[in-house]
Amino acid sequence: MTDERMTRFLHRFAAAAEAHAAAMEAMDENKVNRHAFVLQGLYREIVLTGEAGREGLLALVDSDRKAVAGMAAVYSLRYCPERAITVLRRLSAEEGLLGFRAGMALERWERGEWNLE
């Protein structure tokens, strides 16, 4: 995969993460499900490239956009749990739905219930 194509996938992942968070806030179940489906597809395309894809996704955990950082952390848990958990813990202290969702992701990870495939 070319760097340009990877960059497009990562930009699309970030956009879908923000759209998913907005749909969650709006309680629009159809849009939530649609964006979750898009995120899963993009994740698969990104990680199919191997280490470069995982590293690109992991770089998104440092995003200033909290929804992007959180979603990237969730999808990076298997590959870099230490860094992903750090981000999710920070986000779990946030007010509102974002903090709640980050906390729930951590709980599921710690209980061994995590499965994104």
N, C-alpha and C. Protein backbone atom coordinates (compact mmCIF):
# COMPACT_ATOMS: atom_id res chain seq x y z
N MET A 1 0.84 -1.18 0.00
CA MET A 1 0.00 0.00 0.00
C MET A 1 0.89 1.24 0.00
N THR A 2 0.50 2.21 -0.78
CA THR A 2 1.28 3.43 -0.84
C THR A 2 1.05 4.28 0.41
N ASP A 3 2.01 5.14 0.69
CA ASP A 3 1.86 6.05 1.82
C ASP A 3 0.64 6.95 1.65
N GLU A 4 0.40 7.36 0.42
CA GLU A 4 -0.75 8.23 0.14
C GLU A 4 -2.07 7.52 0.45
N ARG A 5 -2.15 6.27 0.06
CA ARG A 5 -3.36 5.50 0.33
C ARG A 5 -3.54 5.27 1.83
N MET A 6 -2.45 4.97 2.53
CA MET A 6 -2.51 4.79 3.97
C MET A 6 -2.97 6.09 4.64
N THR A 7 -2.43 7.20 4.20
CA THR A 7 -2.82 8.49 4.76
C THR A 7 -4.32 8.73 4.56
N ARG A 8 -4.84 8.39 3.40
CA ARG A 8 -6.28 8.54 3.14
C ARG A 8 -7.09 7.66 4.08
N PHE A 9 -6.66 6.42 4.28
CA PHE A 9 -7.37 5.52 5.20
C PHE A 9 -7.37 6.09 6.62
N LEU A 10 -6.23 6.60 7.05
CA LEU A 10 -6.14 7.15 8.40
C LEU A 10 -7.00 8.41 8.56
N HIS A 11 -7.04 9.26 7.53
CA HIS A 11 -7.91 10.44 7.57
C HIS A 11 -9.38 10.02 7.61
N ARG A 12 -9.71 9.02 6.83
CA ARG A 12 -11.09 8.53 6.82
C ARG A 12 -11.45 7.90 8.17
N PHE A 13 -10.50 7.20 8.79
CA PHE A 13 -10.73 6.62 10.11
C PHE A 13 -11.02 7.74 11.11
N ALA A 14 -10.21 8.79 11.08
CA ALA A 14 -10.40 9.91 12.00
C ALA A 14 -11.76 10.57 11.78
N ALA A 15 -12.14 10.78 10.53
CA ALA A 15 -13.43 11.39 10.23
C ALA A 15 -14.58 10.50 10.70
N ALA A 16 -14.45 9.21 10.48
CA ALA A 16 -15.49 8.27 10.91
C ALA A 16 -15.58 8.21 12.42
N ALA A 17 -14.46 8.32 13.12
CA ALA A 17 -14.48 8.33 14.59
C ALA A 17 -15.23 9.54 15.11
N GLU A 18 -15.00 10.69 14.50
CA GLU A 18 -15.71 11.90 14.92
C GLU A 18 -17.20 11.81 14.58
N ALA A 19 -17.52 11.28 13.41
CA ALA A 19 -18.92 11.12 13.02
C ALA A 19 -19.62 10.13 13.94
N HIS A 20 -18.94 9.07 14.31
CA HIS A 20 -19.50 8.08 15.23
C HIS A 20 -19.79 8.72 16.58
N ALA A 21 -18.84 9.50 17.09
CA ALA A 21 -19.04 10.18 18.38
C ALA A 21 -20.21 11.16 18.31
N ALA A 22 -20.33 11.89 17.22
CA ALA A 22 -21.44 12.84 17.06
C ALA A 22 -22.77 12.10 17.01
N ALA A 23 -22.80 10.96 16.31
CA ALA A 23 -24.03 10.16 16.24
C ALA A 23 -24.39 9.60 17.61
N MET A 24 -23.38 9.21 18.39
CA MET A 24 -23.63 8.72 19.75
C MET A 24 -24.26 9.84 20.59
N GLU A 25 -23.68 11.02 20.51
CA GLU A 25 -24.21 12.17 21.26
C GLU A 25 -25.65 12.48 20.85
N ALA A 26 -25.94 12.34 19.57
CA ALA A 26 -27.28 12.62 19.06
C ALA A 26 -28.24 11.45 19.27
N MET A 27 -27.72 10.33 19.76
CA MET A 27 -28.49 9.11 19.97
C MET A 27 -29.17 8.65 18.68
N ASP A 28 -28.43 8.74 17.58
CA ASP A 28 -28.92 8.32 16.28
C ASP A 28 -28.36 6.92 16.00
N GLU A 29 -29.12 5.92 16.37
CA GLU A 29 -28.66 4.53 16.29
C GLU A 29 -28.26 4.12 14.87
N ASN A 30 -29.01 4.56 13.87
CA ASN A 30 -28.67 4.19 12.49
C ASN A 30 -27.30 4.73 12.09
N LYS A 31 -27.04 5.99 12.41
CA LYS A 31 -25.74 6.57 12.07
C LYS A 31 -24.62 5.95 12.91
N VAL A 32 -24.91 5.67 14.17
CA VAL A 32 -23.90 5.02 15.02
C VAL A 32 -23.47 3.71 14.39
N ASN A 33 -24.44 2.91 14.01
CA ASN A 33 -24.14 1.60 13.41
C ASN A 33 -23.42 1.74 12.08
N ARG A 34 -23.84 2.70 11.27
CA ARG A 34 -23.20 2.91 9.97
C ARG A 34 -21.74 3.31 10.14
N HIS A 35 -21.47 4.24 11.06
CA HIS A 35 -20.09 4.68 11.26
C HIS A 35 -19.25 3.60 11.92
N ALA A 36 -19.85 2.78 12.78
CA ALA A 36 -19.12 1.66 13.38
C ALA A 36 -18.71 0.67 12.30
N PHE A 37 -19.60 0.41 11.36
CA PHE A 37 -19.30 -0.48 10.24
C PHE A 37 -18.15 0.08 9.41
N VAL A 38 -18.18 1.38 9.13
CA VAL A 38 -17.11 2.03 8.37
C VAL A 38 -15.79 1.92 9.12
N LEU A 39 -15.82 2.18 10.42
CA LEU A 39 -14.60 2.09 11.24
C LEU A 39 -14.00 0.70 11.19
N GLN A 40 -14.84 -0.32 11.30
CA GLN A 40 -14.33 -1.69 11.26
C GLN A 40 -13.69 -2.00 9.91
N GLY A 41 -14.31 -1.56 8.84
CA GLY A 41 -13.74 -1.80 7.51
C GLY A 41 -12.42 -1.08 7.32
N LEU A 42 -12.35 0.17 7.77
CA LEU A 42 -11.11 0.92 7.66
C LEU A 42 -10.02 0.29 8.52
N TYR A 43 -10.39 -0.14 9.70
CA TYR A 43 -9.43 -0.81 10.58
C TYR A 43 -8.83 -2.02 9.88
N ARG A 44 -9.67 -2.83 9.28
CA ARG A 44 -9.17 -4.02 8.58
C ARG A 44 -8.21 -3.65 7.46
N GLU A 45 -8.58 -2.66 6.67
CA GLU A 45 -7.70 -2.22 5.58
C GLU A 45 -6.37 -1.70 6.12
N ILE A 46 -6.43 -0.94 7.20
CA ILE A 46 -5.21 -0.35 7.77
C ILE A 46 -4.29 -1.44 8.30
N VAL A 47 -4.82 -2.38 9.07
CA VAL A 47 -3.95 -3.37 9.69
C VAL A 47 -3.50 -4.46 8.71
N LEU A 48 -4.19 -4.58 7.59
CA LEU A 48 -3.73 -5.53 6.58
C LEU A 48 -2.36 -5.15 6.03
N THR A 49 -1.99 -3.92 6.19
CA THR A 49 -0.67 -3.47 5.71
C THR A 49 0.43 -3.88 6.67
N GLY A 50 0.07 -4.43 7.81
CA GLY A 50 1.07 -4.88 8.77
C GLY A 50 1.50 -3.80 9.74
N GLU A 51 2.77 -3.83 10.07
CA GLU A 51 3.32 -2.93 11.09
C GLU A 51 3.09 -1.46 10.75
N ALA A 52 3.25 -1.10 9.49
CA ALA A 52 3.07 0.30 9.09
C ALA A 52 1.65 0.78 9.38
N GLY A 53 0.68 -0.07 9.12
CA GLY A 53 -0.70 0.28 9.39
C GLY A 53 -0.98 0.42 10.88
N ARG A 54 -0.47 -0.53 11.65
CA ARG A 54 -0.68 -0.46 13.10
C ARG A 54 -0.01 0.78 13.68
N GLU A 55 1.17 1.11 13.19
CA GLU A 55 1.87 2.30 13.67
C GLU A 55 1.12 3.57 13.28
N GLY A 56 0.57 3.59 12.07
CA GLY A 56 -0.22 4.74 11.64
C GLY A 56 -1.45 4.94 12.50
N LEU A 57 -2.14 3.85 12.79
CA LEU A 57 -3.31 3.92 13.66
C LEU A 57 -2.91 4.34 15.07
N LEU A 58 -1.83 3.80 15.56
CA LEU A 58 -1.36 4.14 16.89
C LEU A 58 -1.00 5.62 17.00
N ALA A 59 -0.51 6.20 15.93
CA ALA A 59 -0.17 7.63 15.94
C ALA A 59 -1.41 8.49 16.20
N LEU A 60 -2.59 7.98 15.81
CA LEU A 60 -3.82 8.74 16.02
C LEU A 60 -4.21 8.84 17.49
N VAL A 61 -3.65 8.01 18.36
CA VAL A 61 -4.00 8.11 19.78
C VAL A 61 -3.49 9.42 20.38
N ASP A 62 -2.58 10.09 19.69
CA ASP A 62 -2.06 11.37 20.16
C ASP A 62 -2.84 12.56 19.60
N SER A 63 -3.92 12.30 18.92
CA SER A 63 -4.72 13.37 18.31
C SER A 63 -5.29 14.29 19.38
N ASP A 64 -5.38 15.56 19.04
CA ASP A 64 -6.03 16.53 19.92
C ASP A 64 -7.55 16.35 19.92
N ARG A 65 -8.04 15.67 18.91
CA ARG A 65 -9.48 15.40 18.81
C ARG A 65 -9.76 14.15 19.66
N LYS A 66 -10.43 14.35 20.76
CA LYS A 66 -10.61 13.28 21.75
C LYS A 66 -11.32 12.06 21.19
N ALA A 67 -12.31 12.26 20.34
CA ALA A 67 -13.02 11.12 19.76
C ALA A 67 -12.09 10.29 18.89
N VAL A 68 -11.21 10.95 18.17
CA VAL A 68 -10.24 10.26 17.31
C VAL A 68 -9.24 9.50 18.18
N ALA A 69 -8.70 10.17 19.19
CA ALA A 69 -7.72 9.53 20.07
C ALA A 69 -8.34 8.31 20.76
N GLY A 70 -9.57 8.45 21.21
CA GLY A 70 -10.23 7.35 21.90
C GLY A 70 -10.49 6.16 20.99
N MET A 71 -10.98 6.43 19.78
CA MET A 71 -11.28 5.33 18.87
C MET A 71 -9.98 4.65 18.42
N ALA A 72 -8.95 5.43 18.16
CA ALA A 72 -7.66 4.85 17.78
C ALA A 72 -7.11 4.00 18.93
N ALA A 73 -7.30 4.46 20.15
CA ALA A 73 -6.84 3.69 21.32
C ALA A 73 -7.59 2.37 21.42
N VAL A 74 -8.89 2.43 21.23
CA VAL A 74 -9.70 1.21 21.29
C VAL A 74 -9.21 0.19 20.26
N TYR A 75 -8.98 0.65 19.04
CA TYR A 75 -8.56 -0.26 17.98
C TYR A 75 -7.08 -0.63 18.08
N SER A 76 -6.33 0.02 18.96
CA SER A 76 -4.90 -0.29 19.13
C SER A 76 -4.64 -1.12 20.39
N LEU A 77 -5.66 -1.43 21.14
CA LEU A 77 -5.47 -2.17 22.40
C LEU A 77 -4.68 -3.46 22.22
N ARG A 78 -4.98 -4.20 21.19
CA ARG A 78 -4.29 -5.49 20.99
C ARG A 78 -2.83 -5.35 20.63
N TYR A 79 -2.48 -4.25 19.96
CA TYR A 79 -1.13 -4.10 19.44
C TYR A 79 -0.21 -3.33 20.38
N CYS A 80 -0.79 -2.42 21.13
CA CYS A 80 0.02 -1.61 22.05
C CYS A 80 -0.84 -1.27 23.27
N PRO A 81 -1.14 -2.27 24.09
CA PRO A 81 -2.07 -2.04 25.19
C PRO A 81 -1.61 -0.96 26.16
N GLU A 82 -0.32 -0.86 26.43
CA GLU A 82 0.14 0.13 27.41
C GLU A 82 -0.24 1.54 26.97
N ARG A 83 0.07 1.87 25.75
CA ARG A 83 -0.20 3.22 25.24
C ARG A 83 -1.71 3.46 25.10
N ALA A 84 -2.43 2.48 24.60
CA ALA A 84 -3.87 2.61 24.43
C ALA A 84 -4.57 2.77 25.78
N ILE A 85 -4.17 2.00 26.75
CA ILE A 85 -4.77 2.09 28.09
C ILE A 85 -4.50 3.46 28.71
N THR A 86 -3.31 3.99 28.52
CA THR A 86 -2.99 5.32 29.05
C THR A 86 -3.95 6.36 28.49
N VAL A 87 -4.19 6.31 27.19
CA VAL A 87 -5.10 7.26 26.56
C VAL A 87 -6.53 7.06 27.05
N LEU A 88 -6.97 5.81 27.11
CA LEU A 88 -8.33 5.54 27.57
C LEU A 88 -8.53 5.95 29.03
N ARG A 89 -7.53 5.78 29.86
CA ARG A 89 -7.65 6.23 31.25
C ARG A 89 -7.78 7.74 31.33
N ARG A 90 -6.98 8.43 30.53
CA ARG A 90 -7.07 9.90 30.50
C ARG A 90 -8.46 10.33 30.03
N LEU A 91 -8.95 9.70 28.98
CA LEU A 91 -10.26 10.06 28.45
C LEU A 91 -11.40 9.67 29.38
N SER A 92 -11.21 8.61 30.15
CA SER A 92 -12.28 8.17 31.06
C SER A 92 -12.54 9.18 32.17
N ALA A 93 -11.62 10.09 32.38
CA ALA A 93 -11.82 11.15 33.38
C ALA A 93 -12.64 12.31 32.82
N GLU A 94 -12.90 12.29 31.53
CA GLU A 94 -13.69 13.35 30.89
C GLU A 94 -15.16 13.23 31.30
N GLU A 95 -15.82 14.36 31.29
CA GLU A 95 -17.27 14.39 31.53
C GLU A 95 -18.00 13.83 30.31
N GLY A 96 -19.18 13.37 30.51
CA GLY A 96 -20.06 13.01 29.41
C GLY A 96 -19.83 11.63 28.83
N LEU A 97 -20.40 11.48 27.65
CA LEU A 97 -20.42 10.18 26.98
C LEU A 97 -19.03 9.69 26.60
N LEU A 98 -18.16 10.59 26.17
CA LEU A 98 -16.80 10.19 25.80
C LEU A 98 -16.09 9.53 26.98
N GLY A 99 -16.16 10.15 28.14
CA GLY A 99 -15.52 9.58 29.33
C GLY A 99 -16.13 8.24 29.72
N PHE A 100 -17.46 8.16 29.64
CA PHE A 100 -18.14 6.92 29.95
C PHE A 100 -17.72 5.80 29.01
N ARG A 101 -17.69 6.11 27.70
CA ARG A 101 -17.32 5.09 26.71
C ARG A 101 -15.88 4.63 26.90
N ALA A 102 -14.98 5.56 27.20
CA ALA A 102 -13.57 5.18 27.44
C ALA A 102 -13.48 4.27 28.67
N GLY A 103 -14.22 4.61 29.71
CA GLY A 103 -14.23 3.79 30.92
C GLY A 103 -14.77 2.39 30.66
N MET A 104 -15.83 2.31 29.85
CA MET A 104 -16.40 1.00 29.53
C MET A 104 -15.42 0.18 28.68
N ALA A 105 -14.72 0.82 27.77
CA ALA A 105 -13.72 0.10 26.96
C ALA A 105 -12.64 -0.48 27.86
N LEU A 106 -12.19 0.30 28.84
CA LEU A 106 -11.18 -0.20 29.78
C LEU A 106 -11.70 -1.38 30.59
N GLU A 107 -12.93 -1.26 31.07
CA GLU A 107 -13.52 -2.37 31.84
C GLU A 107 -13.60 -3.65 31.01
N ARG A 108 -14.05 -3.52 29.78
CA ARG A 108 -14.16 -4.71 28.91
C ARG A 108 -12.78 -5.31 28.66
N TRP A 109 -11.78 -4.46 28.45
CA TRP A 109 -10.42 -4.95 28.22
C TRP A 109 -9.92 -5.69 29.45
N GLU A 110 -10.11 -5.10 30.61
CA GLU A 110 -9.61 -5.69 31.85
C GLU A 110 -10.32 -7.00 32.20
N ARG A 111 -11.58 -7.15 31.78
CA ARG A 111 -12.32 -8.39 32.02
C ARG A 111 -12.03 -9.44 30.94
N GLY A 112 -11.24 -9.07 29.93
CA GLY A 112 -10.90 -10.02 28.87
C GLY A 112 -12.01 -10.23 27.87
N GLU A 113 -12.91 -9.27 27.76
CA GLU A 113 -14.06 -9.41 26.86
C GLU A 113 -13.83 -8.74 25.49
N TRP A 114 -12.63 -8.29 25.25
CA TRP A 114 -12.39 -7.48 24.06
C TRP A 114 -12.27 -8.34 22.82
N ASN A 115 -13.06 -7.99 21.80
CA ASN A 115 -12.96 -8.68 20.52
C ASN A 115 -13.46 -7.75 19.44
N LEU A 116 -12.55 -7.29 18.57
CA LEU A 116 -12.92 -6.37 17.49
C LEU A 116 -12.96 -7.07 16.13
N GLU A 117 -12.81 -8.33 16.10
CA GLU A 117 -12.76 -9.01 14.79
C GLU A 117 -14.06 -9.67 14.47
